[in-house]
Amino acid sequence: MSTSPLCRRQRDSLDILYQRGQGSAAEVRALLTDPPTYSGVRAMLRVLEEKGHIKHESRGLKYVYAPVINRDKAKKSAVKHLMETFFGGAPDQVVAALLDVSSKKLTSAELDRMSEMIEQARKEGK
């Protein structure tokens, strides 16, 4: 997979494919905000495929596109990239930023779950 960054529309298109699991160019175009032309979407999907992010299969007269890596692996890769790019590789700084941004929105149950995950990480680390 290419490490070159994706433009906003490429990211949006890839997000749509992750949410749906797969989709044709017309389906992706229908879900994009302020979409380019149909040909523009097809060209963008071709670029995403060339970069190794998606693959296609022929179904009748249309191509159906799907992400190459599963969503969980993609999430972990995205968080790792975010942590390295903006937080110097420090997971505690990511958590601090998350808590700072969402502390008023987190429920007691969510905070308890996060505490349980931290405790589990401590046990596995020993």
N, C-alpha and C. Protein backbone atom coordinates (compact mmCIF):
# COMPACT_ATOMS: atom_id res chain seq x y z
N MET A 1 0.84 -1.17 0.00
CA MET A 1 0.00 0.00 0.00
C MET A 1 0.89 1.24 0.00
N SER A 2 0.50 2.20 -0.79
CA SER A 2 1.25 3.45 -0.89
C SER A 2 1.18 4.23 0.41
N THR A 3 2.26 4.93 0.73
CA THR A 3 2.25 5.77 1.93
C THR A 3 1.94 7.21 1.58
N SER A 4 1.70 7.52 0.29
CA SER A 4 1.39 8.89 -0.07
C SER A 4 0.04 9.28 0.52
N PRO A 5 -0.06 10.51 1.00
CA PRO A 5 -1.30 10.93 1.65
C PRO A 5 -2.47 10.98 0.67
N LEU A 6 -3.65 10.83 1.23
CA LEU A 6 -4.85 10.89 0.42
C LEU A 6 -5.45 12.28 0.51
N CYS A 7 -6.02 12.75 -0.60
CA CYS A 7 -6.73 14.02 -0.57
C CYS A 7 -8.08 13.80 0.13
N ARG A 8 -8.76 14.89 0.44
CA ARG A 8 -10.01 14.81 1.18
C ARG A 8 -11.03 13.92 0.49
N ARG A 9 -11.20 14.07 -0.80
CA ARG A 9 -12.20 13.27 -1.51
C ARG A 9 -11.81 11.79 -1.54
N GLN A 10 -10.53 11.52 -1.66
CA GLN A 10 -10.09 10.12 -1.62
C GLN A 10 -10.39 9.52 -0.25
N ARG A 11 -10.09 10.27 0.82
CA ARG A 11 -10.40 9.80 2.18
C ARG A 11 -11.90 9.59 2.35
N ASP A 12 -12.68 10.55 1.86
CA ASP A 12 -14.14 10.44 1.97
C ASP A 12 -14.65 9.21 1.22
N SER A 13 -14.12 8.96 0.04
CA SER A 13 -14.53 7.80 -0.75
C SER A 13 -14.15 6.50 -0.05
N LEU A 14 -12.95 6.47 0.50
CA LEU A 14 -12.50 5.29 1.23
C LEU A 14 -13.36 5.08 2.48
N ASP A 15 -13.71 6.17 3.17
CA ASP A 15 -14.60 6.07 4.33
C ASP A 15 -15.94 5.46 3.95
N ILE A 16 -16.48 5.88 2.82
CA ILE A 16 -17.76 5.34 2.34
C ILE A 16 -17.64 3.83 2.11
N LEU A 17 -16.54 3.42 1.48
CA LEU A 17 -16.35 1.99 1.22
C LEU A 17 -16.18 1.21 2.53
N TYR A 18 -15.51 1.80 3.51
CA TYR A 18 -15.40 1.12 4.81
C TYR A 18 -16.76 1.01 5.48
N GLN A 19 -17.54 2.07 5.42
CA GLN A 19 -18.86 2.05 6.05
C GLN A 19 -19.80 1.04 5.38
N ARG A 20 -19.76 0.99 4.06
CA ARG A 20 -20.67 0.11 3.30
C ARG A 20 -20.10 -1.29 3.09
N GLY A 21 -18.77 -1.41 3.17
CA GLY A 21 -18.13 -2.69 2.88
C GLY A 21 -17.71 -2.81 1.43
N GLN A 22 -18.48 -2.20 0.55
CA GLN A 22 -18.19 -2.19 -0.88
C GLN A 22 -19.12 -1.20 -1.56
N GLY A 23 -18.85 -0.91 -2.82
CA GLY A 23 -19.75 -0.02 -3.55
C GLY A 23 -19.26 0.25 -4.96
N SER A 24 -20.18 0.59 -5.81
CA SER A 24 -19.85 0.98 -7.19
C SER A 24 -19.50 2.46 -7.21
N ALA A 25 -18.98 2.93 -8.33
CA ALA A 25 -18.66 4.35 -8.46
C ALA A 25 -19.92 5.20 -8.28
N ALA A 26 -21.04 4.75 -8.83
CA ALA A 26 -22.29 5.50 -8.70
C ALA A 26 -22.74 5.57 -7.25
N GLU A 27 -22.58 4.46 -6.51
CA GLU A 27 -22.97 4.45 -5.09
C GLU A 27 -22.08 5.36 -4.27
N VAL A 28 -20.78 5.33 -4.54
CA VAL A 28 -19.85 6.21 -3.83
C VAL A 28 -20.18 7.66 -4.15
N ARG A 29 -20.41 7.95 -5.42
CA ARG A 29 -20.72 9.33 -5.84
C ARG A 29 -21.97 9.83 -5.14
N ALA A 30 -22.98 8.98 -5.01
CA ALA A 30 -24.24 9.40 -4.40
C ALA A 30 -24.07 9.78 -2.93
N LEU A 31 -23.05 9.26 -2.28
CA LEU A 31 -22.85 9.52 -0.85
C LEU A 31 -21.81 10.61 -0.57
N LEU A 32 -21.11 11.07 -1.59
CA LEU A 32 -20.12 12.13 -1.42
C LEU A 32 -20.81 13.49 -1.31
N THR A 33 -20.28 14.35 -0.46
CA THR A 33 -20.76 15.72 -0.38
C THR A 33 -20.14 16.49 -1.54
N ASP A 34 -20.96 17.23 -2.26
CA ASP A 34 -20.49 18.00 -3.41
C ASP A 34 -19.61 17.12 -4.32
N PRO A 35 -20.19 16.04 -4.86
CA PRO A 35 -19.38 15.07 -5.61
C PRO A 35 -18.88 15.59 -6.95
N PRO A 36 -17.74 15.06 -7.38
CA PRO A 36 -17.28 15.35 -8.73
C PRO A 36 -18.16 14.60 -9.74
N THR A 37 -17.85 14.71 -10.99
CA THR A 37 -18.61 13.98 -12.01
C THR A 37 -18.43 12.48 -11.81
N TYR A 38 -19.28 11.71 -12.45
CA TYR A 38 -19.17 10.25 -12.38
C TYR A 38 -17.79 9.81 -12.86
N SER A 39 -17.32 10.40 -13.96
CA SER A 39 -15.98 10.07 -14.48
C SER A 39 -14.90 10.43 -13.47
N GLY A 40 -15.10 11.55 -12.77
CA GLY A 40 -14.15 11.97 -11.75
C GLY A 40 -14.08 10.97 -10.60
N VAL A 41 -15.23 10.45 -10.19
CA VAL A 41 -15.26 9.45 -9.12
C VAL A 41 -14.57 8.17 -9.58
N ARG A 42 -14.84 7.75 -10.81
CA ARG A 42 -14.19 6.54 -11.33
C ARG A 42 -12.67 6.72 -11.37
N ALA A 43 -12.21 7.90 -11.78
CA ALA A 43 -10.78 8.15 -11.83
C ALA A 43 -10.19 8.14 -10.42
N MET A 44 -10.90 8.72 -9.47
CA MET A 44 -10.43 8.74 -8.09
C MET A 44 -10.34 7.32 -7.52
N LEU A 45 -11.34 6.50 -7.80
CA LEU A 45 -11.32 5.12 -7.34
C LEU A 45 -10.17 4.35 -7.98
N ARG A 46 -9.89 4.63 -9.24
CA ARG A 46 -8.75 3.99 -9.91
C ARG A 46 -7.44 4.37 -9.23
N VAL A 47 -7.31 5.64 -8.82
CA VAL A 47 -6.10 6.09 -8.12
C VAL A 47 -6.00 5.39 -6.76
N LEU A 48 -7.12 5.29 -6.04
CA LEU A 48 -7.10 4.57 -4.76
C LEU A 48 -6.69 3.12 -4.95
N GLU A 49 -7.12 2.53 -6.05
CA GLU A 49 -6.72 1.15 -6.33
C GLU A 49 -5.24 1.07 -6.67
N GLU A 50 -4.74 2.01 -7.45
CA GLU A 50 -3.32 2.04 -7.79
C GLU A 50 -2.45 2.23 -6.54
N LYS A 51 -2.96 2.98 -5.57
CA LYS A 51 -2.24 3.20 -4.32
C LYS A 51 -2.34 2.00 -3.38
N GLY A 52 -3.19 1.04 -3.74
CA GLY A 52 -3.29 -0.19 -2.95
C GLY A 52 -4.31 -0.14 -1.83
N HIS A 53 -5.18 0.86 -1.80
CA HIS A 53 -6.16 0.99 -0.74
C HIS A 53 -7.43 0.18 -0.99
N ILE A 54 -7.79 0.04 -2.26
CA ILE A 54 -9.01 -0.68 -2.61
C ILE A 54 -8.73 -1.65 -3.75
N LYS A 55 -9.68 -2.54 -3.99
CA LYS A 55 -9.62 -3.47 -5.12
C LYS A 55 -11.01 -3.48 -5.75
N HIS A 56 -11.10 -4.03 -6.94
CA HIS A 56 -12.41 -4.10 -7.57
C HIS A 56 -12.64 -5.50 -8.13
N GLU A 57 -13.90 -5.78 -8.35
CA GLU A 57 -14.28 -6.98 -9.08
C GLU A 57 -15.39 -6.59 -10.04
N SER A 58 -15.43 -7.25 -11.17
CA SER A 58 -16.46 -6.96 -12.17
C SER A 58 -17.75 -7.69 -11.80
N ARG A 59 -18.83 -6.95 -11.84
CA ARG A 59 -20.17 -7.53 -11.65
C ARG A 59 -21.03 -7.01 -12.79
N GLY A 60 -21.20 -7.86 -13.75
CA GLY A 60 -21.93 -7.42 -14.93
C GLY A 60 -21.14 -6.35 -15.64
N LEU A 61 -21.79 -5.21 -15.86
CA LEU A 61 -21.14 -4.11 -16.57
C LEU A 61 -20.49 -3.09 -15.65
N LYS A 62 -20.50 -3.35 -14.34
CA LYS A 62 -19.91 -2.36 -13.43
C LYS A 62 -18.84 -3.00 -12.56
N TYR A 63 -17.98 -2.12 -12.04
CA TYR A 63 -16.99 -2.53 -11.06
C TYR A 63 -17.54 -2.26 -9.68
N VAL A 64 -17.28 -3.18 -8.75
CA VAL A 64 -17.64 -2.99 -7.36
C VAL A 64 -16.32 -2.93 -6.59
N TYR A 65 -16.14 -1.86 -5.83
CA TYR A 65 -14.90 -1.60 -5.11
C TYR A 65 -15.05 -1.96 -3.64
N ALA A 66 -13.95 -2.40 -3.04
CA ALA A 66 -13.93 -2.74 -1.62
C ALA A 66 -12.54 -2.43 -1.06
N PRO A 67 -12.46 -2.07 0.22
CA PRO A 67 -11.16 -1.82 0.85
C PRO A 67 -10.30 -3.09 0.83
N VAL A 68 -8.99 -2.90 0.73
CA VAL A 68 -8.06 -4.04 0.71
C VAL A 68 -7.83 -4.59 2.11
N ILE A 69 -7.66 -3.70 3.09
CA ILE A 69 -7.42 -4.17 4.45
C ILE A 69 -8.70 -4.01 5.26
N ASN A 70 -8.87 -4.86 6.27
CA ASN A 70 -10.10 -4.79 7.05
C ASN A 70 -10.13 -3.54 7.91
N ARG A 71 -11.30 -3.19 8.32
CA ARG A 71 -11.54 -1.94 9.05
C ARG A 71 -10.74 -1.86 10.35
N ASP A 72 -10.66 -2.96 11.11
CA ASP A 72 -9.92 -2.93 12.38
C ASP A 72 -8.44 -2.63 12.15
N LYS A 73 -7.86 -3.27 11.15
CA LYS A 73 -6.45 -3.03 10.85
C LYS A 73 -6.24 -1.59 10.39
N ALA A 74 -7.17 -1.09 9.60
CA ALA A 74 -7.09 0.29 9.13
C ALA A 74 -7.19 1.28 10.29
N LYS A 75 -8.09 0.98 11.25
CA LYS A 75 -8.23 1.86 12.42
C LYS A 75 -6.93 1.91 13.21
N LYS A 76 -6.34 0.74 13.44
CA LYS A 76 -5.09 0.70 14.20
C LYS A 76 -3.98 1.45 13.48
N SER A 77 -3.92 1.29 12.17
CA SER A 77 -2.91 1.98 11.37
C SER A 77 -3.13 3.49 11.43
N ALA A 78 -4.38 3.93 11.35
CA ALA A 78 -4.68 5.36 11.39
C ALA A 78 -4.33 5.96 12.75
N VAL A 79 -4.64 5.25 13.83
CA VAL A 79 -4.33 5.75 15.17
C VAL A 79 -2.82 5.80 15.36
N LYS A 80 -2.12 4.78 14.88
CA LYS A 80 -0.66 4.78 14.99
C LYS A 80 -0.07 5.97 14.24
N HIS A 81 -0.57 6.22 13.04
CA HIS A 81 -0.10 7.35 12.24
C HIS A 81 -0.38 8.66 12.96
N LEU A 82 -1.58 8.81 13.51
CA LEU A 82 -1.96 10.01 14.26
C LEU A 82 -1.05 10.20 15.46
N MET A 83 -0.82 9.12 16.20
CA MET A 83 0.02 9.19 17.39
C MET A 83 1.45 9.61 17.03
N GLU A 84 1.99 9.02 15.98
CA GLU A 84 3.36 9.35 15.58
C GLU A 84 3.47 10.77 15.01
N THR A 85 2.46 11.17 14.23
CA THR A 85 2.51 12.46 13.56
C THR A 85 2.28 13.63 14.50
N PHE A 86 1.29 13.51 15.38
CA PHE A 86 0.90 14.65 16.20
C PHE A 86 1.29 14.56 17.67
N PHE A 87 1.65 13.36 18.14
CA PHE A 87 1.90 13.20 19.56
C PHE A 87 3.27 12.58 19.86
N GLY A 88 4.17 12.62 18.90
CA GLY A 88 5.52 12.14 19.11
C GLY A 88 5.59 10.68 19.54
N GLY A 89 4.59 9.91 19.16
CA GLY A 89 4.58 8.48 19.49
C GLY A 89 4.15 8.18 20.93
N ALA A 90 3.65 9.18 21.64
CA ALA A 90 3.30 9.01 23.06
C ALA A 90 1.81 8.72 23.23
N PRO A 91 1.46 7.47 23.58
CA PRO A 91 0.04 7.13 23.74
C PRO A 91 -0.64 7.92 24.85
N ASP A 92 0.08 8.26 25.91
CA ASP A 92 -0.54 9.01 26.99
C ASP A 92 -0.98 10.40 26.52
N GLN A 93 -0.24 10.97 25.58
CA GLN A 93 -0.61 12.28 25.04
C GLN A 93 -1.88 12.19 24.18
N VAL A 94 -2.05 11.06 23.49
CA VAL A 94 -3.27 10.84 22.71
C VAL A 94 -4.47 10.75 23.65
N VAL A 95 -4.32 9.97 24.70
CA VAL A 95 -5.42 9.83 25.67
C VAL A 95 -5.73 11.17 26.33
N ALA A 96 -4.69 11.92 26.68
CA ALA A 96 -4.89 13.24 27.30
C ALA A 96 -5.66 14.15 26.35
N ALA A 97 -5.31 14.14 25.08
CA ALA A 97 -6.02 14.97 24.10
C ALA A 97 -7.46 14.51 23.94
N LEU A 98 -7.68 13.22 23.92
CA LEU A 98 -9.03 12.67 23.81
C LEU A 98 -9.88 13.09 25.00
N LEU A 99 -9.32 12.97 26.19
CA LEU A 99 -10.05 13.36 27.39
C LEU A 99 -10.32 14.86 27.42
N ASP A 100 -9.37 15.65 26.95
CA ASP A 100 -9.54 17.09 26.92
C ASP A 100 -10.67 17.50 25.97
N VAL A 101 -10.74 16.83 24.84
CA VAL A 101 -11.73 17.16 23.83
C VAL A 101 -13.12 16.65 24.20
N SER A 102 -13.17 15.47 24.81
CA SER A 102 -14.48 14.85 25.00
C SER A 102 -14.88 14.62 26.47
N SER A 103 -14.15 15.21 27.41
CA SER A 103 -14.42 14.90 28.82
C SER A 103 -15.86 15.21 29.23
N LYS A 104 -16.46 16.22 28.67
CA LYS A 104 -17.83 16.56 29.04
C LYS A 104 -18.83 15.62 28.39
N LYS A 105 -18.41 14.88 27.38
CA LYS A 105 -19.31 13.99 26.66
C LYS A 105 -19.21 12.55 27.14
N LEU A 106 -18.12 12.20 27.83
CA LEU A 106 -17.93 10.82 28.25
C LEU A 106 -18.83 10.48 29.43
N THR A 107 -19.49 9.34 29.32
CA THR A 107 -20.36 8.89 30.42
C THR A 107 -19.50 8.17 31.45
N SER A 108 -20.08 7.96 32.60
CA SER A 108 -19.41 7.21 33.65
C SER A 108 -19.08 5.79 33.17
N ALA A 109 -20.01 5.19 32.44
CA ALA A 109 -19.79 3.84 31.92
C ALA A 109 -18.62 3.81 30.93
N GLU A 110 -18.50 4.84 30.10
CA GLU A 110 -17.38 4.90 29.15
C GLU A 110 -16.06 5.06 29.89
N LEU A 111 -16.04 5.91 30.90
CA LEU A 111 -14.82 6.09 31.69
C LEU A 111 -14.45 4.81 32.42
N ASP A 112 -15.46 4.10 32.94
CA ASP A 112 -15.19 2.81 33.59
C ASP A 112 -14.60 1.83 32.60
N ARG A 113 -15.14 1.78 31.40
CA ARG A 113 -14.63 0.86 30.37
C ARG A 113 -13.18 1.20 30.02
N MET A 114 -12.88 2.48 29.91
CA MET A 114 -11.51 2.90 29.62
C MET A 114 -10.58 2.49 30.76
N SER A 115 -11.03 2.63 32.00
CA SER A 115 -10.23 2.21 33.15
C SER A 115 -9.97 0.71 33.11
N GLU A 116 -11.00 -0.06 32.74
CA GLU A 116 -10.83 -1.51 32.61
C GLU A 116 -9.80 -1.86 31.54
N MET A 117 -9.82 -1.15 30.42
CA MET A 117 -8.85 -1.41 29.35
C MET A 117 -7.43 -1.09 29.82
N ILE A 118 -7.29 0.00 30.56
CA ILE A 118 -5.96 0.37 31.08
C ILE A 118 -5.49 -0.70 32.06
N GLU A 119 -6.36 -1.15 32.93
CA GLU A 119 -6.00 -2.19 33.90
C GLU A 119 -5.60 -3.48 33.19
N GLN A 120 -6.35 -3.83 32.14
CA GLN A 120 -6.02 -5.04 31.36
C GLN A 120 -4.65 -4.88 30.69
N ALA A 121 -4.36 -3.70 30.18
CA ALA A 121 -3.05 -3.44 29.55
C ALA A 121 -1.93 -3.57 30.58
N ARG A 122 -2.18 -3.12 31.80
CA ARG A 122 -1.18 -3.27 32.88
C ARG A 122 -0.91 -4.74 33.15
N LYS A 123 -1.96 -5.54 33.25
CA LYS A 123 -1.80 -6.97 33.53
C LYS A 123 -1.05 -7.67 32.41
N GLU A 124 -1.36 -7.31 31.17
CA GLU A 124 -0.70 -7.96 30.03
C GLU A 124 0.75 -7.51 29.89
N GLY A 125 1.06 -6.32 30.37
CA GLY A 125 2.41 -5.77 30.28
C GLY A 125 3.36 -6.36 31.30
N LYS A 126 2.82 -7.02 32.32
CA LYS A 126 3.69 -7.55 33.40
C LYS A 126 4.08 -8.98 33.11
